[in-house]
Amino acid sequence: NETRRLYGILNKQLDGRAFIAGKDYTIADMAAYPWIVPYEAQGM
């Protein structure tokens, strides 16, 4: 449930944005991406 909540926060942040902090790729994207890779194992 907490995973789903955090996915929802990230999904909302990415509404209208190419990357997490805006139009440019940054270390914020590099930090988050690897934790989303095993999304199926997380039940998402």
Full PDB file with SEQRES, HELIX, SHEET, SSBOND, CRYST1, ORIGX, SCALE, CONECT and MASTER records, all heavy atoms in Angstrom:
SEQRES   1 A   44  ASN GLU THR ARG ARG LEU TYR GLY ILE LEU ASN LYS GLN          
SEQRES   2 A   44  LEU ASP GLY ARG ALA PHE ILE ALA GLY LYS ASP TYR THR          
SEQRES   3 A   44  ILE ALA ASP MET ALA ALA TYR PRO TRP ILE VAL PRO TYR          
SEQRES   4 A   44  GLU ALA GLN GLY MET                                          
HELIX    1 AA1 GLU A    2  GLN A   13  1                                  12    
HELIX    2 AA2 ILE A   27  ILE A   36  1                                  10    
CRYST1    1.000    1.000    1.000  90.00  90.00  90.00 P 1           1          
ORIGX1      1.000000  0.000000  0.000000        0.00000                         
ORIGX2      0.000000  1.000000  0.000000        0.00000                         
ORIGX3      0.000000  0.000000  1.000000        0.00000                         
SCALE1      1.000000  0.000000  0.000000        0.00000                         
SCALE2      0.000000  1.000000  0.000000        0.00000                         
SCALE3      0.000000  0.000000  1.000000        0.00000                         
ATOM      1  N   ASN A   1       0.821  -1.213   0.000  1.00  0.00           N  
ATOM      2  CA  ASN A   1       0.000   0.000   0.000  1.00  0.00           C  
ATOM      3  C   ASN A   1       0.854   1.261   0.000  1.00  0.00           C  
ATOM      4  O   ASN A   1       0.535   2.248  -0.676  1.00  0.00           O  
ATOM      5  CB  ASN A   1      -0.944   0.010   1.202  1.00  0.00           C  
ATOM      6  CG  ASN A   1      -2.059  -1.006   1.085  1.00  0.00           C  
ATOM      7  OD1 ASN A   1      -2.414  -1.422  -0.024  1.00  0.00           O  
ATOM      8  ND2 ASN A   1      -2.614  -1.428   2.208  1.00  0.00           N  
ATOM      9  N   GLU A   2       1.954   1.239   0.752  1.00  0.00           N  
ATOM     10  CA  GLU A   2       2.841   2.392   0.760  1.00  0.00           C  
ATOM     11  C   GLU A   2       3.543   2.550  -0.586  1.00  0.00           C  
ATOM     12  O   GLU A   2       3.757   3.671  -1.065  1.00  0.00           O  
ATOM     13  CB  GLU A   2       3.867   2.279   1.893  1.00  0.00           C  
ATOM     14  CG  GLU A   2       4.833   3.442   1.997  1.00  0.00           C  
ATOM     15  CD  GLU A   2       4.186   4.774   2.333  1.00  0.00           C  
ATOM     16  OE1 GLU A   2       2.965   4.831   2.551  1.00  0.00           O  
ATOM     17  OE2 GLU A   2       4.927   5.787   2.370  1.00  0.00           O  
ATOM     18  N   THR A   3       3.893   1.437  -1.203  1.00  0.00           N  
ATOM     19  CA  THR A   3       4.464   1.494  -2.553  1.00  0.00           C  
ATOM     20  C   THR A   3       3.492   2.153  -3.514  1.00  0.00           C  
ATOM     21  O   THR A   3       3.867   3.030  -4.308  1.00  0.00           O  
ATOM     22  CB  THR A   3       4.815   0.078  -3.042  1.00  0.00           C  
ATOM     23  OG1 THR A   3       5.808  -0.485  -2.192  1.00  0.00           O  
ATOM     24  CG2 THR A   3       5.327   0.099  -4.469  1.00  0.00           C  
ATOM     25  N   ARG A   4       2.228   1.760  -3.441  1.00  0.00           N  
ATOM     26  CA  ARG A   4       1.219   2.341  -4.322  1.00  0.00           C  
ATOM     27  C   ARG A   4       1.065   3.839  -4.071  1.00  0.00           C  
ATOM     28  O   ARG A   4       0.927   4.634  -5.012  1.00  0.00           O  
ATOM     29  CB  ARG A   4      -0.123   1.626  -4.116  1.00  0.00           C  
ATOM     30  CG  ARG A   4      -1.209   2.072  -5.083  1.00  0.00           C  
ATOM     31  CD  ARG A   4      -2.464   1.231  -4.946  1.00  0.00           C  
ATOM     32  NE  ARG A   4      -2.221  -0.143  -5.373  1.00  0.00           N  
ATOM     33  CZ  ARG A   4      -2.119  -1.184  -4.551  1.00  0.00           C  
ATOM     34  NH1 ARG A   4      -2.261  -1.008  -3.242  1.00  0.00           N  
ATOM     35  NH2 ARG A   4      -1.902  -2.390  -5.015  1.00  0.00           N  
ATOM     36  N   ARG A   5       1.119   4.241  -2.820  1.00  0.00           N  
ATOM     37  CA  ARG A   5       1.018   5.669  -2.503  1.00  0.00           C  
ATOM     38  C   ARG A   5       2.189   6.446  -3.106  1.00  0.00           C  
ATOM     39  O   ARG A   5       2.005   7.520  -3.706  1.00  0.00           O  
ATOM     40  CB  ARG A   5       0.995   5.871  -0.986  1.00  0.00           C  
ATOM     41  CG  ARG A   5       0.757   7.325  -0.563  1.00  0.00           C  
ATOM     42  CD  ARG A   5       0.907   7.505   0.939  1.00  0.00           C  
ATOM     43  NE  ARG A   5       2.299   7.473   1.351  1.00  0.00           N  
ATOM     44  CZ  ARG A   5       3.111   8.549   1.322  1.00  0.00           C  
ATOM     45  NH1 ARG A   5       2.653   9.712   0.886  1.00  0.00           N  
ATOM     46  NH2 ARG A   5       4.354   8.445   1.733  1.00  0.00           N  
ATOM     47  N   LEU A   6       3.387   5.897  -2.984  1.00  0.00           N  
ATOM     48  CA  LEU A   6       4.571   6.580  -3.503  1.00  0.00           C  
ATOM     49  C   LEU A   6       4.572   6.610  -5.026  1.00  0.00           C  
ATOM     50  O   LEU A   6       4.967   7.620  -5.638  1.00  0.00           O  
ATOM     51  CB  LEU A   6       5.830   5.896  -2.972  1.00  0.00           C  
ATOM     52  CG  LEU A   6       6.051   6.071  -1.465  1.00  0.00           C  
ATOM     53  CD1 LEU A   6       7.101   5.096  -0.960  1.00  0.00           C  
ATOM     54  CD2 LEU A   6       6.449   7.499  -1.123  1.00  0.00           C  
ATOM     55  N   TYR A   7       4.142   5.540  -5.656  1.00  0.00           N  
ATOM     56  CA  TYR A   7       3.980   5.554  -7.111  1.00  0.00           C  
ATOM     57  C   TYR A   7       3.008   6.662  -7.512  1.00  0.00           C  
ATOM     58  O   TYR A   7       3.215   7.344  -8.519  1.00  0.00           O  
ATOM     59  CB  TYR A   7       3.443   4.209  -7.598  1.00  0.00           C  
ATOM     60  CG  TYR A   7       4.466   3.158  -7.931  1.00  0.00           C  
ATOM     61  CD1 TYR A   7       5.461   2.793  -7.029  1.00  0.00           C  
ATOM     62  CD2 TYR A   7       4.432   2.486  -9.151  1.00  0.00           C  
ATOM     63  CE1 TYR A   7       6.385   1.801  -7.331  1.00  0.00           C  
ATOM     64  CE2 TYR A   7       5.352   1.503  -9.464  1.00  0.00           C  
ATOM     65  CZ  TYR A   7       6.325   1.164  -8.550  1.00  0.00           C  
ATOM     66  OH  TYR A   7       7.230   0.186  -8.859  1.00  0.00           O  
ATOM     67  N   GLY A   8       1.944   6.805  -6.736  1.00  0.00           N  
ATOM     68  CA  GLY A   8       0.954   7.839  -7.048  1.00  0.00           C  
ATOM     69  C   GLY A   8       1.534   9.239  -6.951  1.00  0.00           C  
ATOM     70  O   GLY A   8       1.223  10.116  -7.768  1.00  0.00           O  
ATOM     71  N   ILE A   9       2.369   9.479  -5.957  1.00  0.00           N  
ATOM     72  CA  ILE A   9       3.026  10.778  -5.817  1.00  0.00           C  
ATOM     73  C   ILE A   9       3.917  11.053  -7.015  1.00  0.00           C  
ATOM     74  O   ILE A   9       3.907  12.157  -7.601  1.00  0.00           O  
ATOM     75  CB  ILE A   9       3.835  10.819  -4.509  1.00  0.00           C  
ATOM     76  CG1 ILE A   9       2.889  10.858  -3.308  1.00  0.00           C  
ATOM     77  CG2 ILE A   9       4.780  12.030  -4.483  1.00  0.00           C  
ATOM     78  CD1 ILE A   9       3.585  10.695  -1.984  1.00  0.00           C  
ATOM     79  N   LEU A  10       4.689  10.061  -7.412  1.00  0.00           N  
ATOM     80  CA  LEU A  10       5.582  10.234  -8.552  1.00  0.00           C  
ATOM     81  C   LEU A  10       4.783  10.416  -9.841  1.00  0.00           C  
ATOM     82  O   LEU A  10       5.138  11.250 -10.693  1.00  0.00           O  
ATOM     83  CB  LEU A  10       6.514   9.020  -8.663  1.00  0.00           C  
ATOM     84  CG  LEU A  10       7.668   9.118  -9.654  1.00  0.00           C  
ATOM     85  CD1 LEU A  10       8.503  10.370  -9.424  1.00  0.00           C  
ATOM     86  CD2 LEU A  10       8.544   7.877  -9.569  1.00  0.00           C  
ATOM     87  N   ASN A  11       3.715   9.669  -9.986  1.00  0.00           N  
ATOM     88  CA  ASN A  11       2.862   9.809 -11.165  1.00  0.00           C  
ATOM     89  C   ASN A  11       2.300  11.232 -11.266  1.00  0.00           C  
ATOM     90  O   ASN A  11       2.294  11.851 -12.346  1.00  0.00           O  
ATOM     91  CB  ASN A  11       1.720   8.797 -11.103  1.00  0.00           C  
ATOM     92  CG  ASN A  11       0.862   8.803 -12.351  1.00  0.00           C  
ATOM     93  OD1 ASN A  11       1.311   8.450 -13.432  1.00  0.00           O  
ATOM     94  ND2 ASN A  11      -0.394   9.206 -12.196  1.00  0.00           N  
ATOM     95  N   LYS A  12       1.853  11.779 -10.153  1.00  0.00           N  
ATOM     96  CA  LYS A  12       1.321  13.148 -10.143  1.00  0.00           C  
ATOM     97  C   LYS A  12       2.404  14.161 -10.485  1.00  0.00           C  
ATOM     98  O   LYS A  12       2.163  15.118 -11.241  1.00  0.00           O  
ATOM     99  CB  LYS A  12       0.724  13.459  -8.773  1.00  0.00           C  
ATOM    100  CG  LYS A  12       0.062  14.838  -8.681  1.00  0.00           C  
ATOM    101  CD  LYS A  12      -0.580  15.042  -7.316  1.00  0.00           C  
ATOM    102  CE  LYS A  12      -1.243  16.421  -7.243  1.00  0.00           C  
ATOM    103  NZ  LYS A  12      -1.890  16.628  -5.915  1.00  0.00           N  
ATOM    104  N   GLN A  13       3.599  13.973  -9.941  1.00  0.00           N  
ATOM    105  CA  GLN A  13       4.698  14.889 -10.233  1.00  0.00           C  
ATOM    106  C   GLN A  13       5.063  14.886 -11.719  1.00  0.00           C  
ATOM    107  O   GLN A  13       5.476  15.912 -12.279  1.00  0.00           O  
ATOM    108  CB  GLN A  13       5.924  14.523  -9.395  1.00  0.00           C  
ATOM    109  CG  GLN A  13       7.173  15.341  -9.682  1.00  0.00           C  
ATOM    110  CD  GLN A  13       7.034  16.815  -9.329  1.00  0.00           C  
ATOM    111  OE1 GLN A  13       6.080  17.215  -8.658  1.00  0.00           O  
ATOM    112  NE2 GLN A  13       7.982  17.625  -9.773  1.00  0.00           N  
ATOM    113  N   LEU A  14       4.904  13.745 -12.373  1.00  0.00           N  
ATOM    114  CA  LEU A  14       5.288  13.616 -13.775  1.00  0.00           C  
ATOM    115  C   LEU A  14       4.182  14.039 -14.736  1.00  0.00           C  
ATOM    116  O   LEU A  14       4.404  14.046 -15.949  1.00  0.00           O  
ATOM    117  CB  LEU A  14       5.712  12.167 -14.061  1.00  0.00           C  
ATOM    118  CG  LEU A  14       7.075  11.788 -13.468  1.00  0.00           C  
ATOM    119  CD1 LEU A  14       7.225  10.280 -13.384  1.00  0.00           C  
ATOM    120  CD2 LEU A  14       8.199  12.403 -14.290  1.00  0.00           C  
ATOM    121  N   ASP A  15       3.039  14.418 -14.230  1.00  0.00           N  
ATOM    122  CA  ASP A  15       1.951  14.923 -15.078  1.00  0.00           C  
ATOM    123  C   ASP A  15       2.385  16.258 -15.684  1.00  0.00           C  
ATOM    124  O   ASP A  15       2.589  17.241 -14.975  1.00  0.00           O  
ATOM    125  CB  ASP A  15       0.683  15.102 -14.241  1.00  0.00           C  
ATOM    126  CG  ASP A  15      -0.518  15.505 -15.084  1.00  0.00           C  
ATOM    127  OD1 ASP A  15      -0.392  15.630 -16.324  1.00  0.00           O  
ATOM    128  OD2 ASP A  15      -1.600  15.702 -14.486  1.00  0.00           O  
ATOM    129  N   GLY A  16       2.575  16.291 -16.998  1.00  0.00           N  
ATOM    130  CA  GLY A  16       2.984  17.518 -17.668  1.00  0.00           C  
ATOM    131  C   GLY A  16       4.483  17.769 -17.658  1.00  0.00           C  
ATOM    132  O   GLY A  16       4.940  18.830 -18.103  1.00  0.00           O  
ATOM    133  N   ARG A  17       5.256  16.818 -17.138  1.00  0.00           N  
ATOM    134  CA  ARG A  17       6.716  16.952 -17.094  1.00  0.00           C  
ATOM    135  C   ARG A  17       7.365  15.755 -17.775  1.00  0.00           C  
ATOM    136  O   ARG A  17       6.933  14.629 -17.587  1.00  0.00           O  
ATOM    137  CB  ARG A  17       7.230  17.031 -15.652  1.00  0.00           C  
ATOM    138  CG  ARG A  17       6.746  18.238 -14.865  1.00  0.00           C  
ATOM    139  CD  ARG A  17       7.297  18.200 -13.440  1.00  0.00           C  
ATOM    140  NE  ARG A  17       6.898  19.372 -12.680  1.00  0.00           N  
ATOM    141  CZ  ARG A  17       5.773  19.470 -11.982  1.00  0.00           C  
ATOM    142  NH1 ARG A  17       4.929  18.443 -11.952  1.00  0.00           N  
ATOM    143  NH2 ARG A  17       5.491  20.573 -11.322  1.00  0.00           N  
ATOM    144  N   ALA A  18       8.431  16.012 -18.523  1.00  0.00           N  
ATOM    145  CA  ALA A  18       9.164  14.918 -19.151  1.00  0.00           C  
ATOM    146  C   ALA A  18       9.959  14.140 -18.126  1.00  0.00           C  
ATOM    147  O   ALA A  18      10.082  12.905 -18.221  1.00  0.00           O  
ATOM    148  CB  ALA A  18      10.098  15.471 -20.236  1.00  0.00           C  
ATOM    149  N   PHE A  19      10.493  14.870 -17.123  1.00  0.00           N  
ATOM    150  CA  PHE A  19      11.306  14.243 -16.093  1.00  0.00           C  
ATOM    151  C   PHE A  19      10.865  14.752 -14.722  1.00  0.00           C  
ATOM    152  O   PHE A  19      10.063  15.674 -14.617  1.00  0.00           O  
ATOM    153  CB  PHE A  19      12.794  14.505 -16.355  1.00  0.00           C  
ATOM    154  CG  PHE A  19      13.262  13.931 -17.654  1.00  0.00           C  
ATOM    155  CD1 PHE A  19      13.545  14.762 -18.736  1.00  0.00           C  
ATOM    156  CD2 PHE A  19      13.395  12.565 -17.811  1.00  0.00           C  
ATOM    157  CE1 PHE A  19      13.961  14.225 -19.949  1.00  0.00           C  
ATOM    158  CE2 PHE A  19      13.805  12.016 -19.017  1.00  0.00           C  
ATOM    159  CZ  PHE A  19      14.089  12.845 -20.092  1.00  0.00           C  
ATOM    160  N   ILE A  20      11.385  14.157 -13.685  1.00  0.00           N  
ATOM    161  CA  ILE A  20      10.838  14.395 -12.351  1.00  0.00           C  
ATOM    162  C   ILE A  20      10.908  15.863 -11.936  1.00  0.00           C  
ATOM    163  O   ILE A  20       9.965  16.402 -11.371  1.00  0.00           O  
ATOM    164  CB  ILE A  20      11.555  13.503 -11.316  1.00  0.00           C  
ATOM    165  CG1 ILE A  20      11.195  12.033 -11.573  1.00  0.00           C  
ATOM    166  CG2 ILE A  20      11.167  13.890  -9.894  1.00  0.00           C  
ATOM    167  CD1 ILE A  20      11.957  11.045 -10.707  1.00  0.00           C  
ATOM    168  N   ALA A  21      12.021  16.526 -12.225  1.00  0.00           N  
ATOM    169  CA  ALA A  21      12.187  17.909 -11.792  1.00  0.00           C  
ATOM    170  C   ALA A  21      11.865  18.912 -12.898  1.00  0.00           C  
ATOM    171  O   ALA A  21      12.077  20.109 -12.706  1.00  0.00           O  
ATOM    172  CB  ALA A  21      13.606  18.134 -11.278  1.00  0.00           C  
ATOM    173  N   GLY A  22      11.364  18.456 -14.031  1.00  0.00           N  
ATOM    174  CA  GLY A  22      11.026  19.383 -15.110  1.00  0.00           C  
ATOM    175  C   GLY A  22      11.341  18.818 -16.476  1.00  0.00           C  
ATOM    176  O   GLY A  22      11.164  17.632 -16.745  1.00  0.00           O  
ATOM    177  N   LYS A  23      11.867  19.661 -17.360  1.00  0.00           N  
ATOM    178  CA  LYS A  23      12.089  19.246 -18.741  1.00  0.00           C  
ATOM    179  C   LYS A  23      13.418  18.527 -18.948  1.00  0.00           C  
ATOM    180  O   LYS A  23      13.626  17.889 -19.983  1.00  0.00           O  
ATOM    181  CB  LYS A  23      12.031  20.468 -19.673  1.00  0.00           C  
ATOM    182  CG  LYS A  23      13.087  21.527 -19.421  1.00  0.00           C  
ATOM    183  CD  LYS A  23      12.899  22.718 -20.345  1.00  0.00           C  
ATOM    184  CE  LYS A  23      13.934  23.814 -20.098  1.00  0.00           C  
ATOM    185  NZ  LYS A  23      15.319  23.347 -20.363  1.00  0.00           N  
ATOM    186  N   ASP A  24      14.335  18.637 -17.980  1.00  0.00           N  
ATOM    187  CA  ASP A  24      15.665  18.067 -18.145  1.00  0.00           C  
ATOM    188  C   ASP A  24      15.863  16.823 -17.288  1.00  0.00           C  
ATOM    189  O   ASP A  24      15.351  16.726 -16.167  1.00  0.00           O  
ATOM    190  CB  ASP A  24      16.744  19.100 -17.784  1.00  0.00           C  
ATOM    191  CG  ASP A  24      16.742  20.300 -18.722  1.00  0.00           C  
ATOM    192  OD1 ASP A  24      16.519  20.088 -19.934  1.00  0.00           O  
ATOM    193  OD2 ASP A  24      16.947  21.429 -18.242  1.00  0.00           O  
ATOM    194  N   TYR A  25      16.650  15.907 -17.811  1.00  0.00           N  
ATOM    195  CA  TYR A  25      17.024  14.685 -17.109  1.00  0.00           C  
ATOM    196  C   TYR A  25      18.060  15.032 -16.043  1.00  0.00           C  
ATOM    197  O   TYR A  25      19.046  15.703 -16.318  1.00  0.00           O  
ATOM    198  CB  TYR A  25      17.608  13.707 -18.119  1.00  0.00           C  
ATOM    199  CG  TYR A  25      17.918  12.323 -17.611  1.00  0.00           C  
ATOM    200  CD1 TYR A  25      16.919  11.484 -17.132  1.00  0.00           C  
ATOM    201  CD2 TYR A  25      19.223  11.833 -17.656  1.00  0.00           C  
ATOM    202  CE1 TYR A  25      17.211  10.201 -16.701  1.00  0.00           C  
ATOM    203  CE2 TYR A  25      19.528  10.544 -17.237  1.00  0.00           C  
ATOM    204  CZ  TYR A  25      18.516   9.735 -16.759  1.00  0.00           C  
ATOM    205  OH  TYR A  25      18.807   8.453 -16.336  1.00  0.00           O  
ATOM    206  N   THR A  26      17.830  14.568 -14.803  1.00  0.00           N  
ATOM    207  CA  THR A  26      18.707  14.931 -13.697  1.00  0.00           C  
ATOM    208  C   THR A  26      18.973  13.725 -12.803  1.00  0.00           C  
ATOM    209  O   THR A  26      18.444  12.628 -13.019  1.00  0.00           O  
ATOM    210  CB  THR A  26      18.087  16.046 -12.826  1.00  0.00           C  
ATOM    211  OG1 THR A  26      16.976  15.491 -12.084  1.00  0.00           O  
ATOM    212  CG2 THR A  26      17.630  17.241 -13.649  1.00  0.00           C  
ATOM    213  N   ILE A  27      19.751  13.985 -11.757  1.00  0.00           N  
ATOM    214  CA  ILE A  27      20.028  12.911 -10.796  1.00  0.00           C  
ATOM    215  C   ILE A  27      18.770  12.462 -10.058  1.00  0.00           C  
ATOM    216  O   ILE A  27      18.741  11.354  -9.503  1.00  0.00           O  
ATOM    217  CB  ILE A  27      21.132  13.299  -9.799  1.00  0.00           C  
ATOM    218  CG1 ILE A  27      20.746  14.532  -8.976  1.00  0.00           C  
ATOM    219  CG2 ILE A  27      22.456  13.511 -10.517  1.00  0.00           C  
ATOM    220  CD1 ILE A  27      21.724  14.836  -7.830  1.00  0.00           C  
ATOM    221  N   ALA A  28      17.717  13.273 -10.053  1.00  0.00           N  
ATOM    222  CA  ALA A  28      16.457  12.827  -9.443  1.00  0.00           C  
ATOM    223  C   ALA A  28      15.892  11.635 -10.199  1.00  0.00           C  
ATOM    224  O   ALA A  28      15.365  10.691  -9.598  1.00  0.00           O  
ATOM    225  CB  ALA A  28      15.446  13.973  -9.413  1.00  0.00           C  
ATOM    226  N   ASP A  29      16.001  11.659 -11.514  1.00  0.00           N  
ATOM    227  CA  ASP A  29      15.513  10.544 -12.329  1.00  0.00           C  
ATOM    228  C   ASP A  29      16.388   9.312 -12.139  1.00  0.00           C  
ATOM    229  O   ASP A  29      15.878   8.186 -12.041  1.00  0.00           O  
ATOM    230  CB  ASP A  29      15.503  10.958 -13.803  1.00  0.00           C  
ATOM    231  CG  ASP A  29      14.669  12.192 -14.046  1.00  0.00           C  
ATOM    232  OD1 ASP A  29      13.430  12.093 -13.978  1.00  0.00           O  
ATOM    233  OD2 ASP A  29      15.251  13.270 -14.278  1.00  0.00           O  
ATOM    234  N   MET A  30      17.695   9.522 -12.076  1.00  0.00           N  
ATOM    235  CA  MET A  30      18.613   8.394 -11.870  1.00  0.00           C  
ATOM    236  C   MET A  30      18.394   7.745 -10.510  1.00  0.00           C  
ATOM    237  O   MET A  30      18.556   6.535 -10.359  1.00  0.00           O  
ATOM    238  CB  MET A  30      20.055   8.866 -11.993  1.00  0.00           C  
ATOM    239  CG  MET A  30      20.418   9.432 -13.340  1.00  0.00           C  
ATOM    240  SD  MET A  30      22.119  10.043 -13.320  1.00  0.00           S  
ATOM    241  CE  MET A  30      22.082  11.197 -14.687  1.00  0.00           C  
ATOM    242  N   ALA A  31      18.029   8.554  -9.521  1.00  0.00           N  
ATOM    243  CA  ALA A  31      17.791   8.015  -8.181  1.00  0.00           C  
ATOM    244  C   ALA A  31      16.538   7.146  -8.138  1.00  0.00           C  
ATOM    245  O   ALA A  31      16.524   6.081  -7.506  1.00  0.00           O  
ATOM    246  CB  ALA A  31      17.678   9.164  -7.177  1.00  0.00           C  
ATOM    247  N   ALA A  32      15.492   7.582  -8.813  1.00  0.00           N  
ATOM    248  CA  ALA A  32      14.205   6.901  -8.701  1.00  0.00           C  
ATOM    249  C   ALA A  32      14.070   5.692  -9.622  1.00  0.00           C  
ATOM    250  O   ALA A  32      13.482   4.667  -9.231  1.00  0.00           O  
ATOM    251  CB  ALA A  32      13.071   7.889  -8.983  1.00  0.00           C  
ATOM    252  N   TYR A  33      14.580   5.804 -10.828  1.00  0.00           N  
ATOM    253  CA  TYR A  33      14.317   4.775 -11.846  1.00  0.00           C  
ATOM    254  C   TYR A  33      14.633   3.353 -11.385  1.00  0.00           C  
ATOM    255  O   TYR A  33      13.796   2.442 -11.555  1.00  0.00           O  
ATOM    256  CB  TYR A  33      15.074   5.112 -13.133  1.00  0.00           C  
ATOM    257  CG  TYR A  33      15.006   4.016 -14.174  1.00  0.00           C  
ATOM    258  CD1 TYR A  33      13.911   3.925 -15.034  1.00  0.00           C  
ATOM    259  CD2 TYR A  33      16.020   3.060 -14.286  1.00  0.00           C  
ATOM    260  CE1 TYR A  33      13.840   2.911 -15.979  1.00  0.00           C  
ATOM    261  CE2 TYR A  33      15.952   2.050 -15.224  1.00  0.00           C  
ATOM    262  CZ  TYR A  33      14.862   1.970 -16.069  1.00  0.00           C  
ATOM    263  OH  TYR A  33      14.787   0.962 -16.992  1.00  0.00           O  
ATOM    264  N   PRO A  34      15.822   3.080 -10.818  1.00  0.00           N  
ATOM    265  CA  PRO A  34      16.128   1.676 -10.486  1.00  0.00           C  
ATOM    266  C   PRO A  34      15.159   1.051  -9.496  1.00  0.00           C  
ATOM    267  O   PRO A  34      15.002  -0.181  -9.476  1.00  0.00           O  
ATOM    268  CB  PRO A  34      17.550   1.755  -9.910  1.00  0.00           C  
ATOM    269  CG  PRO A  34      18.136   2.994 -10.511  1.00  0.00           C  
ATOM    270  CD  PRO A  34      16.981   3.956 -10.555  1.00  0.00           C  
ATOM    271  N   TRP A  35      14.527   1.881  -8.677  1.00  0.00           N  
ATOM    272  CA  TRP A  35      13.575   1.329  -7.712  1.00  0.00           C  
ATOM    273  C   TRP A  35      12.229   1.002  -8.342  1.00  0.00           C  
ATOM    274  O   TRP A  35      11.440   0.233  -7.769  1.00  0.00           O  
ATOM    275  CB  TRP A  35      13.403   2.295  -6.537  1.00  0.00           C  
ATOM    276  CG  TRP A  35      14.581   2.236  -5.632  1.00  0.00           C  
ATOM    277  CD1 TRP A  35      15.642   3.090  -5.598  1.00  0.00           C  
ATOM    278  CD2 TRP A  35      14.852   1.238  -4.655  1.00  0.00           C  
ATOM    279  NE1 TRP A  35      16.558   2.683  -4.661  1.00  0.00           N  
ATOM    280  CE2 TRP A  35      16.093   1.549  -4.063  1.00  0.00           C  
ATOM    281  CE3 TRP A  35      14.174   0.102  -4.216  1.00  0.00           C  
ATOM    282  CZ2 TRP A  35      16.660   0.764  -3.056  1.00  0.00           C  
ATOM    283  CZ3 TRP A  35      14.735  -0.676  -3.218  1.00  0.00           C  
ATOM    284  CH2 TRP A  35      15.967  -0.340  -2.652  1.00  0.00           C  
ATOM    285  N   ILE A  36      11.970   1.552  -9.528  1.00  0.00           N  
ATOM    286  CA  ILE A  36      10.724   1.236 -10.234  1.00  0.00           C  
ATOM    287  C   ILE A  36      10.898   0.012 -11.128  1.00  0.00           C  
ATOM    288  O   ILE A  36       9.922  -0.644 -11.483  1.00  0.00           O  
ATOM    289  CB  ILE A  36      10.258   2.454 -11.064  1.00  0.00           C  
ATOM    290  CG1 ILE A  36      10.138   3.701 -10.181  1.00  0.00           C  
ATOM    291  CG2 ILE A  36       8.916   2.177 -11.741  1.00  0.00           C  
ATOM    292  CD1 ILE A  36       9.126   3.597  -9.075  1.00  0.00           C  
ATOM    293  N   VAL A  37      12.123  -0.313 -11.492  1.00  0.00           N  
ATOM    294  CA  VAL A  37      12.369  -1.427 -12.421  1.00  0.00           C  
ATOM    295  C   VAL A  37      11.667  -2.718 -11.973  1.00  0.00           C  
ATOM    296  O   VAL A  37      10.992  -3.370 -12.788  1.00  0.00           O  
ATOM    297  CB  VAL A  37      13.888  -1.648 -12.612  1.00  0.00           C  
ATOM    298  CG1 VAL A  37      14.153  -2.953 -13.353  1.00  0.00           C  
ATOM    299  CG2 VAL A  37      14.499  -0.475 -13.378  1.00  0.00           C  
ATOM    300  N   PRO A  38      11.741  -3.130 -10.705  1.00  0.00           N  
ATOM    301  CA  PRO A  38      11.068  -4.369 -10.308  1.00  0.00           C  
ATOM    302  C   PRO A  38       9.604  -4.149  -9.904  1.00  0.00           C  
ATOM    303  O   PRO A  38       9.116  -4.705  -8.913  1.00  0.00           O  
ATOM    304  CB  PRO A  38      11.916  -4.852  -9.125  1.00  0.00           C  
ATOM    305  CG  PRO A  38      12.455  -3.607  -8.525  1.00  0.00           C  
ATOM    306  CD  PRO A  38      12.596  -2.599  -9.622  1.00  0.00           C  
ATOM    307  N   TYR A  39       8.881  -3.342 -10.676  1.00  0.00           N  
ATOM    308  CA  TYR A  39       7.512  -2.966 -10.285  1.00  0.00           C  
ATOM    309  C   TYR A  39       6.589  -4.178 -10.167  1.00  0.00           C  
ATOM    310  O   TYR A  39       5.700  -4.211  -9.306  1.00  0.00           O  
ATOM    311  CB  TYR A  39       6.935  -1.928 -11.254  1.00  0.00           C  
ATOM    312  CG  TYR A  39       6.832  -2.373 -12.696  1.00  0.00           C  
ATOM    313  CD1 TYR A  39       5.700  -3.028 -13.162  1.00  0.00           C  
ATOM    314  CD2 TYR A  39       7.864  -2.133 -13.590  1.00  0.00           C  
ATOM    315  CE1 TYR A  39       5.595  -3.437 -14.481  1.00  0.00           C  
ATOM    316  CE2 TYR A  39       7.778  -2.530 -14.911  1.00  0.00           C  
ATOM    317  CZ  TYR A  39       6.648  -3.187 -15.359  1.00  0.00           C  
ATOM    318  OH  TYR A  39       6.557  -3.593 -16.663  1.00  0.00           O  
ATOM    319  N   GLU A  40       6.774  -5.170 -11.017  1.00  0.00           N  
ATOM    320  CA  GLU A  40       5.897  -6.342 -10.946  1.00  0.00           C  
ATOM    321  C   GLU A  40       6.095  -7.086  -9.630  1.00  0.00           C  
ATOM    322  O   GLU A  40       5.119  -7.525  -9.007  1.00  0.00           O  
ATOM    323  CB  GLU A  40       6.149  -7.269 -12.134  1.00  0.00           C  
ATOM    324  CG  GLU A  40       5.706  -6.667 -13.464  1.00  0.00           C  
ATOM    325  CD  GLU A  40       5.994  -7.578 -14.629  1.00  0.00           C  
ATOM    326  OE1 GLU A  40       6.933  -8.399 -14.520  1.00  0.00           O  
ATOM    327  OE2 GLU A  40       5.286  -7.476 -15.650  1.00  0.00           O  
ATOM    328  N   ALA A  41       7.351  -7.211  -9.191  1.00  0.00           N  
ATOM    329  CA  ALA A  41       7.637  -7.879  -7.920  1.00  0.00           C  
ATOM    330  C   ALA A  41       7.091  -7.085  -6.742  1.00  0.00           C  
ATOM    331  O   ALA A  41       6.876  -7.648  -5.663  1.00  0.00           O  
ATOM    332  CB  ALA A  41       9.146  -8.086  -7.764  1.00  0.00           C  
ATOM    333  N   GLN A  42       6.866  -5.796  -6.939  1.00  0.00           N  
ATOM    334  CA  GLN A  42       6.309  -4.943  -5.889  1.00  0.00           C  
ATOM    335  C   GLN A  42       4.775  -4.965  -5.890  1.00  0.00           C  
ATOM    336  O   GLN A  42       4.148  -4.281  -5.079  1.00  0.00           O  
ATOM    337  CB  GLN A  42       6.792  -3.505  -6.082  1.00  0.00           C  
ATOM    338  CG  GLN A  42       8.294  -3.349  -5.966  1.00  0.00           C  
ATOM    339  CD  GLN A  42       8.795  -2.048  -6.573  1.00  0.00           C  
ATOM    340  OE1 GLN A  42       8.004  -1.184  -6.948  1.00  0.00           O  
ATOM    341  NE2 GLN A  42      10.095  -1.905  -6.665  1.00  0.00           N  
ATOM    342  N   GLY A  43       4.177  -5.723  -6.801  1.00  0.00           N  
ATOM    343  CA  GLY A  43       2.728  -5.799  -6.879  1.00  0.00           C  
ATOM    344  C   GLY A  43       2.101  -4.629  -7.595  1.00  0.00           C  
ATOM    345  O   GLY A  43       0.912  -4.336  -7.397  1.00  0.00           O  
ATOM    346  N   MET A  44       2.874  -3.955  -8.464  1.00  0.00           N  
ATOM    347  CA  MET A  44       2.387  -2.771  -9.160  1.00  0.00           C  
ATOM    348  C   MET A  44       2.225  -3.049 -10.658  1.00  0.00           C  
ATOM    349  O   MET A  44       2.912  -3.902 -11.231  1.00  0.00           O  
ATOM    350  CB  MET A  44       3.370  -1.606  -8.982  1.00  0.00           C  
ATOM    351  CG  MET A  44       3.557  -1.121  -7.559  1.00  0.00           C  
ATOM    352  SD  MET A  44       2.077  -0.401  -6.821  1.00  0.00           S  
ATOM    353  CE  MET A  44       1.739  -1.632  -5.548  1.00  0.00           C  
TER     354      MET A  44                                                      
MASTER        0    0    0    2    0    0    0    6  353    1    0    4          
END                                                                             
